[in-house]
């Protein structure tokens, strides 16, 4: 799919009787093979939510480093018409850098809601470099899913705001949990999928 930032790719996981579309993009350090994105693509179609996994043009082109935020936003805008083509409400989502894109463009694109996975509230060790304004500016129902040990922002660091937050206990930025944790990796993914399902169902 051609965008002004290059060729993007959308992988669809369709629900039989879809009520919503969840469009999610990856972060700056990985692709749509991320454990949380895979889990959502496997789970949500069974609950009436079609999942569209979006690969940004830089990733499709095989580049190792993500471009500037403005270019990421351009790529997301370019795929939006295809994501909205069914006429169903679209939840704009992403993990890490993709979550920032979803937040920044939500109002402009007419997103029904925003799903922010591992929102990078600040660079690791730099809490003064807050990106909270992006999260607080969506103007639509927003769900943040955050690892309890995410160096880009632990749940208790997030400001008060008009959004919901689900904590994945012990999870890092990729929602990996240590073997000594009191929940397994599979259980950590269930926290994510069950939380997102409940939230999506509540959107109608």
N, C-alpha and C. Protein backbone atom coordinates (compact mmCIF):
# COMPACT_ATOMS: atom_id res chain seq x y z
N UNK A 1 0.84 -1.19 0.00
CA UNK A 1 0.00 0.00 0.00
C UNK A 1 0.88 1.24 0.00
N UNK A 2 0.66 2.12 -0.98
CA UNK A 2 1.53 3.28 -1.12
C UNK A 2 1.07 4.43 -0.20
N UNK A 3 2.05 5.03 0.46
CA UNK A 3 1.81 6.23 1.26
C UNK A 3 2.86 7.27 0.87
N UNK A 4 2.70 8.48 1.37
CA UNK A 4 3.68 9.53 1.08
C UNK A 4 5.01 9.27 1.78
N UNK A 5 5.05 8.27 2.66
CA UNK A 5 6.29 7.90 3.34
C UNK A 5 6.89 6.62 2.76
N UNK A 6 6.26 6.06 1.72
CA UNK A 6 6.72 4.81 1.14
C UNK A 6 5.65 3.74 1.21
N UNK A 7 6.04 2.51 0.93
CA UNK A 7 5.08 1.40 0.87
C UNK A 7 4.87 0.80 2.25
N UNK A 8 3.63 0.79 2.71
CA UNK A 8 3.26 0.17 3.98
C UNK A 8 2.60 -1.17 3.69
N UNK A 9 2.41 -1.96 4.75
CA UNK A 9 1.76 -3.27 4.59
C UNK A 9 0.76 -3.47 5.71
N UNK A 10 -0.43 -3.97 5.37
CA UNK A 10 -1.47 -4.26 6.36
C UNK A 10 -1.79 -5.75 6.31
N UNK A 11 -1.72 -6.41 7.46
CA UNK A 11 -2.09 -7.82 7.59
C UNK A 11 -3.39 -7.89 8.37
N UNK A 12 -4.42 -8.44 7.74
CA UNK A 12 -5.76 -8.46 8.33
C UNK A 12 -6.03 -9.77 9.06
N UNK A 13 -6.66 -9.65 10.22
CA UNK A 13 -7.18 -10.80 10.98
C UNK A 13 -8.65 -10.47 11.22
N UNK A 14 -9.50 -11.03 10.36
CA UNK A 14 -10.90 -10.56 10.30
C UNK A 14 -11.82 -11.35 11.22
N UNK A 15 -12.75 -10.60 11.83
CA UNK A 15 -13.82 -11.20 12.61
C UNK A 15 -14.98 -11.55 11.69
N UNK A 16 -15.71 -12.61 11.99
CA UNK A 16 -16.84 -13.02 11.16
C UNK A 16 -17.94 -11.97 11.15
N UNK A 17 -18.29 -11.48 12.31
CA UNK A 17 -19.31 -10.42 12.42
C UNK A 17 -18.68 -9.23 13.13
N UNK A 18 -17.86 -8.52 12.42
CA UNK A 18 -17.08 -7.44 13.03
C UNK A 18 -17.96 -6.25 13.42
N UNK A 19 -17.69 -5.71 14.59
CA UNK A 19 -18.33 -4.47 15.06
C UNK A 19 -17.35 -3.30 15.05
N UNK A 20 -16.07 -3.65 15.16
CA UNK A 20 -15.01 -2.65 15.25
C UNK A 20 -13.79 -3.14 14.48
N UNK A 21 -12.94 -2.21 14.12
CA UNK A 21 -11.62 -2.54 13.59
C UNK A 21 -10.58 -1.98 14.56
N UNK A 22 -9.64 -2.83 14.96
CA UNK A 22 -8.49 -2.37 15.74
C UNK A 22 -7.28 -2.36 14.82
N UNK A 23 -6.77 -1.20 14.53
CA UNK A 23 -5.58 -1.05 13.70
C UNK A 23 -4.40 -0.75 14.63
N UNK A 24 -3.38 -1.60 14.58
CA UNK A 24 -2.23 -1.41 15.48
C UNK A 24 -0.93 -1.48 14.70
N UNK A 25 -0.02 -0.59 15.06
CA UNK A 25 1.29 -0.57 14.44
C UNK A 25 2.35 -0.90 15.49
N UNK A 26 3.52 -1.20 15.02
CA UNK A 26 4.63 -1.66 15.85
C UNK A 26 5.44 -0.48 16.38
N UNK A 27 6.47 -0.79 17.16
CA UNK A 27 7.35 0.22 17.70
C UNK A 27 8.56 0.46 16.82
N UNK A 28 9.51 1.22 17.36
CA UNK A 28 10.72 1.57 16.60
C UNK A 28 11.76 0.46 16.65
N UNK A 29 11.58 -0.50 17.55
CA UNK A 29 12.59 -1.54 17.70
C UNK A 29 12.15 -2.91 17.23
N UNK A 30 11.01 -3.01 16.57
CA UNK A 30 10.52 -4.32 16.15
C UNK A 30 9.34 -4.18 15.22
N UNK A 31 8.76 -5.32 14.85
CA UNK A 31 7.67 -5.31 13.90
C UNK A 31 6.39 -5.89 14.48
N UNK A 32 5.52 -6.35 13.59
CA UNK A 32 4.22 -6.85 14.01
C UNK A 32 4.31 -8.24 14.64
N UNK A 33 5.54 -8.79 14.73
CA UNK A 33 5.71 -10.07 15.40
C UNK A 33 5.79 -9.92 16.92
N UNK A 34 5.67 -8.71 17.43
CA UNK A 34 5.71 -8.48 18.88
C UNK A 34 4.65 -9.33 19.58
N UNK A 35 5.00 -9.83 20.75
CA UNK A 35 4.13 -10.80 21.44
C UNK A 35 2.74 -10.26 21.73
N UNK A 36 2.63 -8.98 22.08
CA UNK A 36 1.32 -8.42 22.40
C UNK A 36 0.48 -8.24 21.14
N UNK A 37 1.09 -7.83 20.04
CA UNK A 37 0.34 -7.67 18.80
C UNK A 37 -0.15 -9.02 18.28
N UNK A 38 0.69 -10.04 18.36
CA UNK A 38 0.28 -11.38 17.93
C UNK A 38 -0.89 -11.88 18.78
N UNK A 39 -0.79 -11.67 20.09
CA UNK A 39 -1.85 -12.14 21.00
C UNK A 39 -3.18 -11.46 20.70
N UNK A 40 -3.14 -10.16 20.44
CA UNK A 40 -4.38 -9.44 20.13
C UNK A 40 -4.96 -9.91 18.80
N UNK A 41 -4.11 -10.15 17.81
CA UNK A 41 -4.59 -10.61 16.50
C UNK A 41 -5.22 -11.99 16.59
N UNK A 42 -4.75 -12.81 17.51
CA UNK A 42 -5.31 -14.15 17.69
C UNK A 42 -6.61 -14.13 18.47
N UNK A 43 -6.75 -13.18 19.39
CA UNK A 43 -7.86 -13.20 20.35
C UNK A 43 -9.05 -12.34 19.93
N UNK A 44 -8.81 -11.14 19.47
CA UNK A 44 -9.91 -10.19 19.28
C UNK A 44 -10.91 -10.56 18.19
N UNK A 45 -10.51 -11.19 17.08
CA UNK A 45 -11.52 -11.54 16.08
C UNK A 45 -12.64 -12.42 16.62
N UNK A 46 -12.34 -13.22 17.64
CA UNK A 46 -13.37 -14.05 18.26
C UNK A 46 -14.36 -13.25 19.09
N UNK A 47 -14.09 -11.96 19.26
CA UNK A 47 -14.97 -11.09 20.04
C UNK A 47 -15.54 -9.96 19.18
N UNK A 48 -15.55 -10.17 17.87
CA UNK A 48 -16.19 -9.20 16.99
C UNK A 48 -15.32 -8.02 16.60
N UNK A 49 -14.01 -8.15 16.81
CA UNK A 49 -13.10 -7.05 16.46
C UNK A 49 -12.11 -7.53 15.41
N UNK A 50 -12.18 -6.96 14.22
CA UNK A 50 -11.18 -7.23 13.19
C UNK A 50 -9.89 -6.51 13.55
N UNK A 51 -8.77 -7.22 13.43
CA UNK A 51 -7.47 -6.63 13.76
C UNK A 51 -6.66 -6.43 12.48
N UNK A 52 -6.15 -5.22 12.30
CA UNK A 52 -5.28 -4.89 11.18
C UNK A 52 -3.90 -4.56 11.74
N UNK A 53 -2.92 -5.39 11.43
CA UNK A 53 -1.54 -5.15 11.87
C UNK A 53 -0.84 -4.35 10.78
N UNK A 54 -0.38 -3.17 11.13
CA UNK A 54 0.17 -2.23 10.15
C UNK A 54 1.69 -2.17 10.28
N UNK A 55 2.37 -2.43 9.17
CA UNK A 55 3.83 -2.28 9.12
C UNK A 55 4.16 -0.96 8.44
N UNK A 56 4.87 -0.12 9.15
CA UNK A 56 5.26 1.19 8.62
C UNK A 56 6.24 1.02 7.44
N UNK A 57 6.25 1.98 6.52
CA UNK A 57 7.10 1.87 5.33
C UNK A 57 8.58 1.60 5.62
N UNK A 58 9.12 2.20 6.66
CA UNK A 58 10.54 1.97 6.95
C UNK A 58 10.81 0.51 7.26
N UNK A 59 9.85 -0.12 7.92
CA UNK A 59 10.00 -1.54 8.28
C UNK A 59 9.85 -2.42 7.04
N UNK A 60 8.87 -2.11 6.19
CA UNK A 60 8.66 -2.86 4.95
C UNK A 60 9.91 -2.77 4.06
N UNK A 61 10.56 -1.61 4.08
CA UNK A 61 11.76 -1.41 3.26
C UNK A 61 13.00 -2.09 3.83
N UNK A 62 12.88 -2.66 5.02
CA UNK A 62 14.01 -3.37 5.61
C UNK A 62 15.00 -2.50 6.35
N UNK A 63 14.62 -1.27 6.65
CA UNK A 63 15.53 -0.39 7.37
C UNK A 63 15.57 -0.77 8.86
N UNK A 64 16.68 -0.48 9.49
CA UNK A 64 16.88 -0.85 10.89
C UNK A 64 16.44 0.23 11.87
N UNK A 65 16.39 1.47 11.39
CA UNK A 65 16.11 2.60 12.27
C UNK A 65 14.84 3.31 11.81
N UNK A 66 13.96 3.58 12.76
CA UNK A 66 12.72 4.27 12.44
C UNK A 66 12.99 5.73 12.09
N UNK A 67 12.20 6.32 11.21
CA UNK A 67 12.37 7.73 10.86
C UNK A 67 11.79 8.64 11.93
N UNK A 68 11.79 9.93 11.64
CA UNK A 68 11.28 10.93 12.57
C UNK A 68 9.79 10.76 12.80
N UNK A 69 9.28 11.21 13.96
CA UNK A 69 7.85 11.09 14.25
C UNK A 69 6.95 11.61 13.14
N UNK A 70 7.33 12.73 12.53
CA UNK A 70 6.49 13.31 11.47
C UNK A 70 6.31 12.31 10.32
N UNK A 71 7.39 11.58 9.98
CA UNK A 71 7.31 10.60 8.89
C UNK A 71 6.46 9.40 9.30
N UNK A 72 6.55 8.99 10.55
CA UNK A 72 5.69 7.91 11.04
C UNK A 72 4.22 8.30 10.94
N UNK A 73 3.91 9.53 11.30
CA UNK A 73 2.53 10.02 11.20
C UNK A 73 2.06 10.01 9.75
N UNK A 74 2.95 10.39 8.82
CA UNK A 74 2.61 10.39 7.40
C UNK A 74 2.28 8.99 6.91
N UNK A 75 3.06 8.01 7.32
CA UNK A 75 2.78 6.63 6.93
C UNK A 75 1.44 6.15 7.47
N UNK A 76 1.13 6.51 8.71
CA UNK A 76 -0.14 6.10 9.34
C UNK A 76 -1.32 6.75 8.63
N UNK A 77 -1.20 8.04 8.30
CA UNK A 77 -2.27 8.71 7.56
C UNK A 77 -2.51 8.01 6.22
N UNK A 78 -1.45 7.55 5.60
CA UNK A 78 -1.57 6.94 4.28
C UNK A 78 -2.34 5.64 4.27
N UNK A 79 -2.29 4.88 5.37
CA UNK A 79 -3.01 3.60 5.42
C UNK A 79 -4.42 3.77 5.98
N UNK A 80 -4.71 4.91 6.58
CA UNK A 80 -6.00 5.08 7.27
C UNK A 80 -7.21 4.86 6.36
N UNK A 81 -7.23 5.37 5.12
CA UNK A 81 -8.41 5.13 4.28
C UNK A 81 -8.72 3.64 4.11
N UNK A 82 -7.71 2.80 4.00
CA UNK A 82 -7.94 1.36 3.88
C UNK A 82 -8.46 0.78 5.19
N UNK A 83 -8.00 1.29 6.30
CA UNK A 83 -8.45 0.80 7.60
C UNK A 83 -9.90 1.17 7.86
N UNK A 84 -10.33 2.30 7.33
CA UNK A 84 -11.69 2.80 7.56
C UNK A 84 -12.66 2.43 6.44
N UNK A 85 -12.17 1.72 5.43
CA UNK A 85 -12.97 1.48 4.23
C UNK A 85 -14.23 0.66 4.50
N UNK A 86 -14.23 -0.18 5.54
CA UNK A 86 -15.39 -1.01 5.84
C UNK A 86 -16.56 -0.21 6.38
N UNK A 87 -16.29 1.01 6.82
CA UNK A 87 -17.33 1.82 7.44
C UNK A 87 -17.50 1.57 8.92
N UNK A 88 -16.77 0.60 9.46
CA UNK A 88 -16.84 0.30 10.89
C UNK A 88 -15.99 1.31 11.67
N UNK A 89 -16.33 1.55 12.94
CA UNK A 89 -15.48 2.41 13.77
C UNK A 89 -14.08 1.80 13.89
N UNK A 90 -13.06 2.65 13.84
CA UNK A 90 -11.68 2.18 13.89
C UNK A 90 -11.01 2.65 15.18
N UNK A 91 -10.48 1.70 15.93
CA UNK A 91 -9.63 2.00 17.08
C UNK A 91 -8.22 2.17 16.55
N UNK A 92 -7.64 3.32 16.80
CA UNK A 92 -6.27 3.59 16.38
C UNK A 92 -5.33 3.14 17.47
N UNK A 93 -4.40 2.24 17.14
CA UNK A 93 -3.55 1.69 18.18
C UNK A 93 -2.12 1.48 17.74
N UNK A 94 -1.29 1.18 18.71
CA UNK A 94 0.10 0.89 18.42
C UNK A 94 0.85 0.59 19.69
N UNK A 95 2.06 0.06 19.50
CA UNK A 95 2.92 -0.17 20.65
C UNK A 95 4.12 0.78 20.57
N UNK A 96 4.49 1.33 21.72
CA UNK A 96 5.65 2.21 21.84
C UNK A 96 5.55 3.40 20.87
N UNK A 97 6.48 3.51 19.92
CA UNK A 97 6.42 4.63 18.96
C UNK A 97 5.10 4.63 18.20
N UNK A 98 4.56 3.44 17.93
CA UNK A 98 3.27 3.33 17.25
C UNK A 98 2.13 3.87 18.09
N UNK A 99 2.26 3.74 19.41
CA UNK A 99 1.24 4.30 20.31
C UNK A 99 1.26 5.82 20.26
N UNK A 100 2.46 6.39 20.16
CA UNK A 100 2.57 7.85 20.05
C UNK A 100 1.90 8.33 18.76
N UNK A 101 2.13 7.61 17.67
CA UNK A 101 1.51 7.97 16.39
C UNK A 101 -0.01 7.95 16.53
N UNK A 102 -0.54 6.88 17.12
CA UNK A 102 -1.99 6.73 17.28
C UNK A 102 -2.57 7.90 18.09
N UNK A 103 -1.86 8.29 19.15
CA UNK A 103 -2.33 9.40 19.98
C UNK A 103 -2.28 10.72 19.23
N UNK A 104 -1.18 10.97 18.53
CA UNK A 104 -1.00 12.26 17.86
C UNK A 104 -2.01 12.48 16.74
N UNK A 105 -2.44 11.41 16.08
CA UNK A 105 -3.28 11.55 14.89
C UNK A 105 -4.74 11.23 15.13
N UNK A 106 -5.11 10.85 16.35
CA UNK A 106 -6.47 10.34 16.61
C UNK A 106 -7.56 11.33 16.22
N UNK A 107 -7.43 12.56 16.66
CA UNK A 107 -8.46 13.56 16.39
C UNK A 107 -8.55 13.86 14.90
N UNK A 108 -7.41 14.07 14.30
CA UNK A 108 -7.35 14.41 12.88
C UNK A 108 -7.98 13.34 11.99
N UNK A 109 -7.74 12.07 12.31
CA UNK A 109 -8.20 10.97 11.47
C UNK A 109 -9.61 10.48 11.83
N UNK A 110 -10.14 10.96 12.93
CA UNK A 110 -11.48 10.53 13.33
C UNK A 110 -11.51 9.15 13.96
N UNK A 111 -10.46 8.81 14.70
CA UNK A 111 -10.41 7.51 15.37
C UNK A 111 -11.55 7.40 16.39
N UNK A 112 -12.11 6.19 16.49
CA UNK A 112 -13.18 5.94 17.44
C UNK A 112 -12.63 5.90 18.87
N UNK A 113 -11.41 5.41 19.02
CA UNK A 113 -10.75 5.28 20.31
C UNK A 113 -9.27 5.05 20.05
N UNK A 114 -8.47 5.03 21.13
CA UNK A 114 -7.03 4.81 21.00
C UNK A 114 -6.59 3.72 21.97
N UNK A 115 -5.78 2.79 21.46
CA UNK A 115 -5.14 1.78 22.29
C UNK A 115 -3.64 2.03 22.27
N UNK A 116 -3.08 2.34 23.45
CA UNK A 116 -1.65 2.64 23.56
C UNK A 116 -0.97 1.53 24.35
N UNK A 117 -0.22 0.69 23.66
CA UNK A 117 0.52 -0.40 24.27
C UNK A 117 1.95 0.06 24.55
N UNK A 118 2.38 -0.07 25.81
CA UNK A 118 3.74 0.35 26.19
C UNK A 118 4.02 1.78 25.74
N UNK A 119 3.13 2.68 26.13
CA UNK A 119 3.32 4.08 25.74
C UNK A 119 4.64 4.58 26.33
N UNK A 120 5.53 5.12 25.47
CA UNK A 120 6.83 5.60 25.98
C UNK A 120 6.70 7.00 26.58
N UNK A 121 6.32 7.03 27.83
CA UNK A 121 6.03 8.30 28.50
C UNK A 121 7.25 9.22 28.51
N UNK A 122 8.42 8.61 28.58
CA UNK A 122 9.68 9.37 28.54
C UNK A 122 10.80 8.42 28.13
N UNK A 123 11.93 8.96 27.65
CA UNK A 123 13.08 8.09 27.40
C UNK A 123 13.56 7.48 28.72
N UNK A 124 14.13 6.28 28.69
CA UNK A 124 14.61 5.66 29.94
C UNK A 124 15.56 6.58 30.71
N UNK A 125 15.27 6.75 31.99
CA UNK A 125 16.11 7.57 32.84
C UNK A 125 15.94 9.07 32.64
N UNK A 126 14.98 9.49 31.82
CA UNK A 126 14.79 10.92 31.53
C UNK A 126 13.33 11.33 31.77
N UNK A 127 12.84 11.19 32.99
CA UNK A 127 11.43 11.50 33.25
C UNK A 127 11.06 12.95 32.94
N UNK A 128 12.06 13.85 32.90
CA UNK A 128 11.76 15.25 32.61
C UNK A 128 11.37 15.45 31.14
N UNK A 129 11.67 14.47 30.29
CA UNK A 129 11.33 14.55 28.86
C UNK A 129 9.97 13.89 28.61
N UNK A 130 8.95 14.36 29.28
CA UNK A 130 7.64 13.72 29.25
C UNK A 130 6.92 13.91 27.90
N UNK A 131 6.24 12.86 27.47
CA UNK A 131 5.40 12.92 26.28
C UNK A 131 3.92 12.81 26.65
N UNK A 132 3.61 13.15 27.89
CA UNK A 132 2.24 13.01 28.39
C UNK A 132 1.25 13.81 27.57
N UNK A 133 1.69 14.94 26.99
CA UNK A 133 0.76 15.77 26.24
C UNK A 133 0.18 15.02 25.04
N UNK A 134 0.96 14.12 24.44
CA UNK A 134 0.45 13.32 23.32
C UNK A 134 -0.67 12.40 23.79
N UNK A 135 -0.45 11.74 24.93
CA UNK A 135 -1.44 10.82 25.47
C UNK A 135 -2.71 11.56 25.90
N UNK A 136 -2.53 12.72 26.50
CA UNK A 136 -3.67 13.46 27.04
C UNK A 136 -4.44 14.23 25.97
N UNK A 137 -3.93 14.24 24.74
CA UNK A 137 -4.56 15.04 23.70
C UNK A 137 -5.41 14.26 22.71
N UNK A 138 -5.74 12.99 23.00
CA UNK A 138 -6.44 12.17 22.00
C UNK A 138 -7.90 12.59 21.81
N UNK A 139 -8.55 13.06 22.88
CA UNK A 139 -9.96 13.50 22.85
C UNK A 139 -10.94 12.37 22.56
N UNK A 140 -10.49 11.13 22.67
CA UNK A 140 -11.39 9.97 22.52
C UNK A 140 -11.07 8.98 23.64
N UNK A 141 -11.92 7.97 23.79
CA UNK A 141 -11.67 6.93 24.78
C UNK A 141 -10.30 6.30 24.53
N UNK A 142 -9.47 6.28 25.56
CA UNK A 142 -8.09 5.81 25.40
C UNK A 142 -7.76 4.78 26.48
N UNK A 143 -7.14 3.68 26.05
CA UNK A 143 -6.68 2.65 26.97
C UNK A 143 -5.17 2.53 26.85
N UNK A 144 -4.48 2.63 27.98
CA UNK A 144 -3.04 2.40 28.04
C UNK A 144 -2.81 1.04 28.70
N UNK A 145 -1.97 0.21 28.08
CA UNK A 145 -1.56 -1.06 28.68
C UNK A 145 -0.05 -0.95 28.90
N UNK A 146 0.36 -1.00 30.17
CA UNK A 146 1.75 -0.67 30.51
C UNK A 146 2.36 -1.72 31.42
N UNK A 147 3.59 -2.11 31.12
CA UNK A 147 4.30 -3.03 31.99
C UNK A 147 4.68 -2.38 33.30
N UNK A 148 4.60 -3.14 34.39
CA UNK A 148 4.91 -2.60 35.71
C UNK A 148 6.35 -2.16 35.87
N UNK A 149 7.25 -2.71 35.05
CA UNK A 149 8.67 -2.36 35.11
C UNK A 149 9.15 -1.75 33.80
N UNK A 150 8.30 -1.04 33.12
CA UNK A 150 8.68 -0.43 31.84
C UNK A 150 9.60 0.76 32.08
N UNK A 151 10.85 0.70 31.58
CA UNK A 151 11.77 1.82 31.81
C UNK A 151 11.36 3.10 31.07
N UNK A 152 10.44 2.98 30.11
CA UNK A 152 9.94 4.15 29.40
C UNK A 152 8.77 4.81 30.13
N UNK A 153 8.44 4.29 31.30
CA UNK A 153 7.35 4.86 32.09
C UNK A 153 6.60 3.77 32.82
N UNK A 154 6.77 3.72 34.14
CA UNK A 154 6.01 2.75 34.93
C UNK A 154 4.62 3.31 35.20
N UNK A 155 3.64 2.45 35.44
CA UNK A 155 2.25 2.93 35.61
C UNK A 155 2.11 4.07 36.62
N UNK A 156 2.86 4.01 37.72
CA UNK A 156 2.70 5.05 38.74
C UNK A 156 3.26 6.40 38.31
N UNK A 157 4.02 6.43 37.22
CA UNK A 157 4.55 7.70 36.72
C UNK A 157 3.55 8.45 35.84
N UNK A 158 2.50 7.79 35.41
CA UNK A 158 1.56 8.42 34.47
C UNK A 158 0.72 9.45 35.20
N UNK A 159 0.46 10.58 34.53
CA UNK A 159 -0.31 11.65 35.16
C UNK A 159 -1.80 11.32 35.19
N UNK A 160 -2.51 12.05 36.02
CA UNK A 160 -3.97 11.94 36.00
C UNK A 160 -4.47 12.38 34.63
N UNK A 161 -5.52 11.72 34.15
CA UNK A 161 -6.05 12.09 32.85
C UNK A 161 -7.27 11.28 32.50
N UNK A 162 -7.88 11.64 31.39
CA UNK A 162 -9.11 11.01 30.95
C UNK A 162 -8.78 9.79 30.09
N UNK A 163 -8.23 8.77 30.71
CA UNK A 163 -7.90 7.52 30.04
C UNK A 163 -7.88 6.40 31.07
N UNK A 164 -7.93 5.18 30.59
CA UNK A 164 -7.83 4.01 31.46
C UNK A 164 -6.44 3.42 31.34
N UNK A 165 -5.97 2.78 32.40
CA UNK A 165 -4.65 2.15 32.37
C UNK A 165 -4.71 0.77 32.99
N UNK A 166 -4.19 -0.19 32.25
CA UNK A 166 -4.07 -1.56 32.74
C UNK A 166 -2.59 -1.85 32.96
N UNK A 167 -2.24 -2.33 34.14
CA UNK A 167 -0.85 -2.68 34.42
C UNK A 167 -0.63 -4.17 34.20
N UNK A 168 0.45 -4.49 33.51
CA UNK A 168 0.90 -5.87 33.35
C UNK A 168 1.99 -6.09 34.39
N UNK A 169 1.69 -6.81 35.48
CA UNK A 169 2.66 -6.92 36.57
C UNK A 169 4.02 -7.44 36.09
N UNK A 170 5.08 -6.77 36.54
CA UNK A 170 6.47 -7.16 36.26
C UNK A 170 6.89 -6.99 34.81
N UNK A 171 5.98 -6.57 33.93
CA UNK A 171 6.29 -6.51 32.51
C UNK A 171 7.28 -5.40 32.18
N UNK A 172 8.16 -5.68 31.21
CA UNK A 172 9.07 -4.64 30.72
C UNK A 172 8.44 -3.96 29.51
N UNK A 173 9.25 -3.26 28.72
CA UNK A 173 8.69 -2.50 27.59
C UNK A 173 8.07 -3.41 26.53
N UNK A 174 8.55 -4.65 26.46
CA UNK A 174 7.98 -5.62 25.52
C UNK A 174 7.02 -6.59 26.20
N UNK A 175 6.62 -6.28 27.45
CA UNK A 175 5.73 -7.12 28.27
C UNK A 175 6.34 -8.46 28.62
N UNK A 176 7.67 -8.58 28.53
CA UNK A 176 8.33 -9.79 29.03
C UNK A 176 8.34 -9.73 30.56
N UNK A 177 8.08 -10.88 31.18
CA UNK A 177 8.12 -10.95 32.65
C UNK A 177 9.24 -11.91 33.06
N UNK A 178 9.94 -11.61 34.15
CA UNK A 178 11.03 -12.49 34.60
C UNK A 178 10.49 -13.83 35.09
N UNK A 179 11.34 -14.83 35.01
CA UNK A 179 10.92 -16.18 35.42
C UNK A 179 10.55 -16.25 36.89
N UNK A 180 11.12 -15.37 37.70
CA UNK A 180 10.82 -15.38 39.14
C UNK A 180 9.50 -14.69 39.47
N UNK A 181 8.85 -14.09 38.46
CA UNK A 181 7.60 -13.36 38.70
C UNK A 181 6.49 -14.32 39.13
N UNK A 182 5.46 -13.76 39.78
CA UNK A 182 4.36 -14.59 40.26
C UNK A 182 3.28 -14.79 39.20
N UNK A 183 3.61 -14.53 37.94
CA UNK A 183 2.73 -14.90 36.84
C UNK A 183 3.60 -15.30 35.65
N UNK A 184 3.07 -16.19 34.82
CA UNK A 184 3.83 -16.68 33.67
C UNK A 184 3.72 -15.68 32.52
N UNK A 185 4.54 -15.90 31.49
CA UNK A 185 4.45 -15.05 30.31
C UNK A 185 3.08 -15.17 29.66
N UNK A 186 2.54 -16.37 29.63
CA UNK A 186 1.20 -16.58 29.06
C UNK A 186 0.14 -15.82 29.85
N UNK A 187 0.26 -15.85 31.18
CA UNK A 187 -0.70 -15.12 32.01
C UNK A 187 -0.57 -13.61 31.82
N UNK A 188 0.65 -13.14 31.60
CA UNK A 188 0.85 -11.72 31.34
C UNK A 188 0.14 -11.30 30.05
N UNK A 189 0.23 -12.14 29.03
CA UNK A 189 -0.46 -11.84 27.77
C UNK A 189 -1.97 -11.88 27.94
N UNK A 190 -2.45 -12.75 28.82
CA UNK A 190 -3.89 -12.81 29.09
C UNK A 190 -4.38 -11.53 29.76
N UNK A 191 -3.55 -10.95 30.61
CA UNK A 191 -3.91 -9.65 31.21
C UNK A 191 -4.16 -8.63 30.11
N UNK A 192 -3.30 -8.66 29.09
CA UNK A 192 -3.43 -7.71 27.98
C UNK A 192 -4.68 -8.00 27.17
N UNK A 193 -4.82 -9.24 26.70
CA UNK A 193 -5.93 -9.55 25.79
C UNK A 193 -7.28 -9.42 26.49
N UNK A 194 -7.38 -9.89 27.72
CA UNK A 194 -8.66 -9.80 28.43
C UNK A 194 -9.02 -8.34 28.71
N UNK A 195 -8.03 -7.53 29.06
CA UNK A 195 -8.29 -6.13 29.31
C UNK A 195 -8.73 -5.39 28.07
N UNK A 196 -8.07 -5.67 26.94
CA UNK A 196 -8.42 -5.01 25.70
C UNK A 196 -9.80 -5.46 25.22
N UNK A 197 -10.11 -6.74 25.35
CA UNK A 197 -11.42 -7.25 24.96
C UNK A 197 -12.52 -6.54 25.74
N UNK A 198 -12.38 -6.48 27.06
CA UNK A 198 -13.40 -5.84 27.89
C UNK A 198 -13.58 -4.37 27.50
N UNK A 199 -12.49 -3.69 27.29
CA UNK A 199 -12.55 -2.28 26.91
C UNK A 199 -13.21 -2.11 25.54
N UNK A 200 -12.81 -2.94 24.57
CA UNK A 200 -13.37 -2.83 23.22
C UNK A 200 -14.86 -3.12 23.22
N UNK A 201 -15.28 -4.12 23.99
CA UNK A 201 -16.71 -4.44 24.07
C UNK A 201 -17.48 -3.25 24.66
N UNK A 202 -16.86 -2.57 25.62
CA UNK A 202 -17.55 -1.43 26.25
C UNK A 202 -17.72 -0.26 25.30
N UNK A 203 -16.94 -0.23 24.21
CA UNK A 203 -17.03 0.86 23.24
C UNK A 203 -18.27 0.74 22.37
N UNK A 204 -18.87 -0.47 22.38
CA UNK A 204 -20.07 -0.68 21.58
C UNK A 204 -19.76 -1.14 20.18
